[in-house]
């Protein structure tokens, strides 16, 4: 019997989406910056965005992410993102190339315990 060595270790299920989003952050000098993006997949704890124009956001920078409400189905959007802007941390930056746009993976700074009350509690050490 062959075991699948690549187990899915994600805490929350990812959903493929395509809706507009907006990023807000302060740069190293404290100047407020804005960027438009397209959400490509979401989960209850994270979101992956593609930016049509490259942005200079370093890893671990705190950003505010907000989705555009027009044209998005409520089932595809995590509950945290339906309330407006959500504080998030940049944990992966994929550089732009000739064939693809710059990508940003964000970790939503939400309490994981509030995600799903129906899920059984997990032991923590």
C-alpha atoms as a PDB file:
ATOM      1  CA  UNK A   1       0.000   0.000   0.000  1.00  0.00           C
ATOM      2  CA  UNK A   2       1.413   3.355  -1.052  1.00  0.00           C
ATOM      3  CA  UNK A   3       0.882   6.191   1.374  1.00  0.00           C
ATOM      4  CA  UNK A   4       0.303   9.703   0.225  1.00  0.00           C
ATOM      5  CA  UNK A   5       3.333  11.568   1.603  1.00  0.00           C
ATOM      6  CA  UNK A   6       1.871  14.957   0.867  1.00  0.00           C
ATOM      7  CA  UNK A   7      -0.792  15.458   3.500  1.00  0.00           C
ATOM      8  CA  UNK A   8      -2.834  18.632   3.526  1.00  0.00           C
ATOM      9  CA  UNK A   9      -1.798  20.411   6.718  1.00  0.00           C
ATOM     10  CA  UNK A  10      -4.053  23.422   6.267  1.00  0.00           C
ATOM     11  CA  UNK A  11      -6.258  24.409   9.164  1.00  0.00           C
ATOM     12  CA  UNK A  12      -9.022  25.796   6.949  1.00  0.00           C
ATOM     13  CA  UNK A  13     -10.309  24.849   3.502  1.00  0.00           C
ATOM     14  CA  UNK A  14      -9.279  27.076   0.586  1.00  0.00           C
ATOM     15  CA  UNK A  15     -11.827  28.281  -1.939  1.00  0.00           C
ATOM     16  CA  UNK A  16     -10.961  29.489  -5.430  1.00  0.00           C
ATOM     17  CA  UNK A  17     -12.419  32.959  -6.018  1.00  0.00           C
ATOM     18  CA  UNK A  18     -11.981  35.972  -8.227  1.00  0.00           C
ATOM     19  CA  UNK A  19     -13.092  39.274  -6.774  1.00  0.00           C
ATOM     20  CA  UNK A  20     -11.525  42.707  -6.314  1.00  0.00           C
ATOM     21  CA  UNK A  21      -9.817  43.666  -3.069  1.00  0.00           C
ATOM     22  CA  UNK A  22      -8.043  46.694  -1.685  1.00  0.00           C
ATOM     23  CA  UNK A  23      -4.862  46.840   0.404  1.00  0.00           C
ATOM     24  CA  UNK A  24      -3.844  49.645   2.766  1.00  0.00           C
ATOM     25  CA  UNK A  25      -0.528  49.826   4.617  1.00  0.00           C
ATOM     26  CA  UNK A  26       2.125  52.225   5.881  1.00  0.00           C
ATOM     27  CA  UNK A  27       5.536  52.135   4.253  1.00  0.00           C
ATOM     28  CA  UNK A  28       8.854  52.369   6.118  1.00  0.00           C
ATOM     29  CA  UNK A  29       8.505  56.168   6.360  1.00  0.00           C
ATOM     30  CA  UNK A  30       4.985  55.999   7.753  1.00  0.00           C
ATOM     31  CA  UNK A  31       3.285  57.129   4.543  1.00  0.00           C
ATOM     32  CA  UNK A  32      -0.098  55.549   3.910  1.00  0.00           C
ATOM     33  CA  UNK A  33      -0.138  53.411   0.729  1.00  0.00           C
ATOM     34  CA  UNK A  34      -2.987  51.832  -1.221  1.00  0.00           C
ATOM     35  CA  UNK A  35      -3.185  49.143  -3.880  1.00  0.00           C
ATOM     36  CA  UNK A  36      -5.901  47.319  -5.782  1.00  0.00           C
ATOM     37  CA  UNK A  37      -5.712  43.548  -6.138  1.00  0.00           C
ATOM     38  CA  UNK A  38      -7.673  40.491  -7.216  1.00  0.00           C
ATOM     39  CA  UNK A  39      -8.371  37.772  -4.634  1.00  0.00           C
ATOM     40  CA  UNK A  40      -7.580  34.348  -6.121  1.00  0.00           C
ATOM     41  CA  UNK A  41      -8.246  32.069  -3.172  1.00  0.00           C
ATOM     42  CA  UNK A  42      -9.461  32.506   0.375  1.00  0.00           C
ATOM     43  CA  UNK A  43      -9.846  30.528   3.554  1.00  0.00           C
ATOM     44  CA  UNK A  44     -11.078  31.479   6.999  1.00  0.00           C
ATOM     45  CA  UNK A  45      -7.507  32.349   8.004  1.00  0.00           C
ATOM     46  CA  UNK A  46      -5.865  33.653   4.839  1.00  0.00           C
ATOM     47  CA  UNK A  47      -6.185  35.158   1.385  1.00  0.00           C
ATOM     48  CA  UNK A  48      -3.998  35.096  -1.737  1.00  0.00           C
ATOM     49  CA  UNK A  49      -4.031  38.241  -3.863  1.00  0.00           C
ATOM     50  CA  UNK A  50      -2.634  39.108  -7.284  1.00  0.00           C
ATOM     51  CA  UNK A  51      -1.664  42.717  -7.896  1.00  0.00           C
ATOM     52  CA  UNK A  52      -2.010  44.093 -11.443  1.00  0.00           C
ATOM     53  CA  UNK A  53       0.878  46.481 -10.744  1.00  0.00           C
ATOM     54  CA  UNK A  54       3.864  45.562  -8.552  1.00  0.00           C
ATOM     55  CA  UNK A  55       3.779  46.886  -5.005  1.00  0.00           C
ATOM     56  CA  UNK A  56       6.616  47.184  -2.536  1.00  0.00           C
ATOM     57  CA  UNK A  57       5.366  45.414   0.579  1.00  0.00           C
ATOM     58  CA  UNK A  58       7.970  43.498   2.609  1.00  0.00           C
ATOM     59  CA  UNK A  59       7.366  40.210   4.397  1.00  0.00           C
ATOM     60  CA  UNK A  60       5.610  40.392   7.751  1.00  0.00           C
ATOM     61  CA  UNK A  61       4.292  43.917   7.088  1.00  0.00           C
ATOM     62  CA  UNK A  62       0.891  44.496   8.628  1.00  0.00           C
ATOM     63  CA  UNK A  63      -1.698  45.523   6.043  1.00  0.00           C
ATOM     64  CA  UNK A  64      -5.429  46.110   5.985  1.00  0.00           C
ATOM     65  CA  UNK A  65      -7.315  44.079   3.376  1.00  0.00           C
ATOM     66  CA  UNK A  66     -10.869  44.799   2.291  1.00  0.00           C
ATOM     67  CA  UNK A  67     -12.911  43.088  -0.389  1.00  0.00           C
ATOM     68  CA  UNK A  68     -15.134  44.937  -2.826  1.00  0.00           C
ATOM     69  CA  UNK A  69     -18.695  43.895  -2.107  1.00  0.00           C
ATOM     70  CA  UNK A  70     -20.024  44.142  -5.655  1.00  0.00           C
ATOM     71  CA  UNK A  71     -20.229  40.830  -7.459  1.00  0.00           C
ATOM     72  CA  UNK A  72     -19.094  38.594  -4.596  1.00  0.00           C
ATOM     73  CA  UNK A  73     -21.235  35.796  -3.281  1.00  0.00           C
ATOM     74  CA  UNK A  74     -21.483  35.719   0.523  1.00  0.00           C
ATOM     75  CA  UNK A  75     -20.734  31.970   0.601  1.00  0.00           C
ATOM     76  CA  UNK A  76     -17.315  32.468  -1.018  1.00  0.00           C
ATOM     77  CA  UNK A  77     -16.192  35.107   1.456  1.00  0.00           C
ATOM     78  CA  UNK A  78     -14.832  34.224   4.909  1.00  0.00           C
ATOM     79  CA  UNK A  79     -16.863  35.770   7.741  1.00  0.00           C
ATOM     80  CA  UNK A  80     -13.965  37.983   8.840  1.00  0.00           C
ATOM     81  CA  UNK A  81     -13.814  39.671   5.426  1.00  0.00           C
ATOM     82  CA  UNK A  82     -17.526  40.506   5.371  1.00  0.00           C
ATOM     83  CA  UNK A  83     -17.102  42.996   8.233  1.00  0.00           C
ATOM     84  CA  UNK A  84     -14.898  45.456   6.347  1.00  0.00           C
ATOM     85  CA  UNK A  85     -11.152  45.921   6.687  1.00  0.00           C
ATOM     86  CA  UNK A  86      -9.190  43.103   8.297  1.00  0.00           C
ATOM     87  CA  UNK A  87      -5.715  43.436   9.756  1.00  0.00           C
ATOM     88  CA  UNK A  88      -3.422  40.927   8.028  1.00  0.00           C
ATOM     89  CA  UNK A  89       0.251  40.010   7.865  1.00  0.00           C
ATOM     90  CA  UNK A  90       2.136  39.429   4.612  1.00  0.00           C
ATOM     91  CA  UNK A  91       3.722  35.994   4.847  1.00  0.00           C
ATOM     92  CA  UNK A  92       4.642  35.301   1.216  1.00  0.00           C
ATOM     93  CA  UNK A  93       5.463  37.558  -1.723  1.00  0.00           C
ATOM     94  CA  UNK A  94       5.646  36.067  -5.213  1.00  0.00           C
ATOM     95  CA  UNK A  95       7.487  38.422  -7.553  1.00  0.00           C
ATOM     96  CA  UNK A  96       5.948  39.457 -10.846  1.00  0.00           C
ATOM     97  CA  UNK A  97       7.311  37.991 -14.059  1.00  0.00           C
ATOM     98  CA  UNK A  98       6.585  38.376 -17.747  1.00  0.00           C
ATOM     99  CA  UNK A  99       3.900  35.676 -17.534  1.00  0.00           C
ATOM    100  CA  UNK A 100       2.292  36.292 -14.144  1.00  0.00           C
ATOM    101  CA  UNK A 101       1.371  39.045 -11.727  1.00  0.00           C
ATOM    102  CA  UNK A 102       2.868  39.712  -8.331  1.00  0.00           C
ATOM    103  CA  UNK A 103       1.191  37.652  -5.621  1.00  0.00           C
ATOM    104  CA  UNK A 104       0.751  38.271  -1.910  1.00  0.00           C
ATOM    105  CA  UNK A 105      -0.296  35.677   0.635  1.00  0.00           C
ATOM    106  CA  UNK A 106      -1.849  37.251   3.712  1.00  0.00           C
ATOM    107  CA  UNK A 107      -2.596  35.714   7.092  1.00  0.00           C
ATOM    108  CA  UNK A 108      -5.792  37.227   8.459  1.00  0.00           C
ATOM    109  CA  UNK A 109      -5.230  38.373  12.026  1.00  0.00           C
ATOM    110  CA  UNK A 110      -8.416  36.871  13.420  1.00  0.00           C
ATOM    111  CA  UNK A 111      -8.962  34.681  16.452  1.00  0.00           C
ATOM    112  CA  UNK A 112      -9.054  31.101  15.100  1.00  0.00           C
ATOM    113  CA  UNK A 113     -11.481  30.142  17.870  1.00  0.00           C
ATOM    114  CA  UNK A 114     -14.130  32.393  16.345  1.00  0.00           C
ATOM    115  CA  UNK A 115     -13.866  30.792  12.900  1.00  0.00           C
ATOM    116  CA  UNK A 116     -16.045  27.794  13.489  1.00  0.00           C
ATOM    117  CA  UNK A 117     -17.844  27.129  16.735  1.00  0.00           C
ATOM    118  CA  UNK A 118     -19.066  23.825  15.280  1.00  0.00           C
ATOM    119  CA  UNK A 119     -15.552  22.428  14.951  1.00  0.00           C
ATOM    120  CA  UNK A 120     -14.405  20.371  17.956  1.00  0.00           C
ATOM    121  CA  UNK A 121     -11.811  22.010  20.166  1.00  0.00           C
ATOM    122  CA  UNK A 122      -8.230  20.923  19.591  1.00  0.00           C
ATOM    123  CA  UNK A 123      -5.784  20.307  22.385  1.00  0.00           C
ATOM    124  CA  UNK A 124      -2.921  22.764  22.608  1.00  0.00           C
ATOM    125  CA  UNK A 125       0.333  22.436  24.475  1.00  0.00           C
END
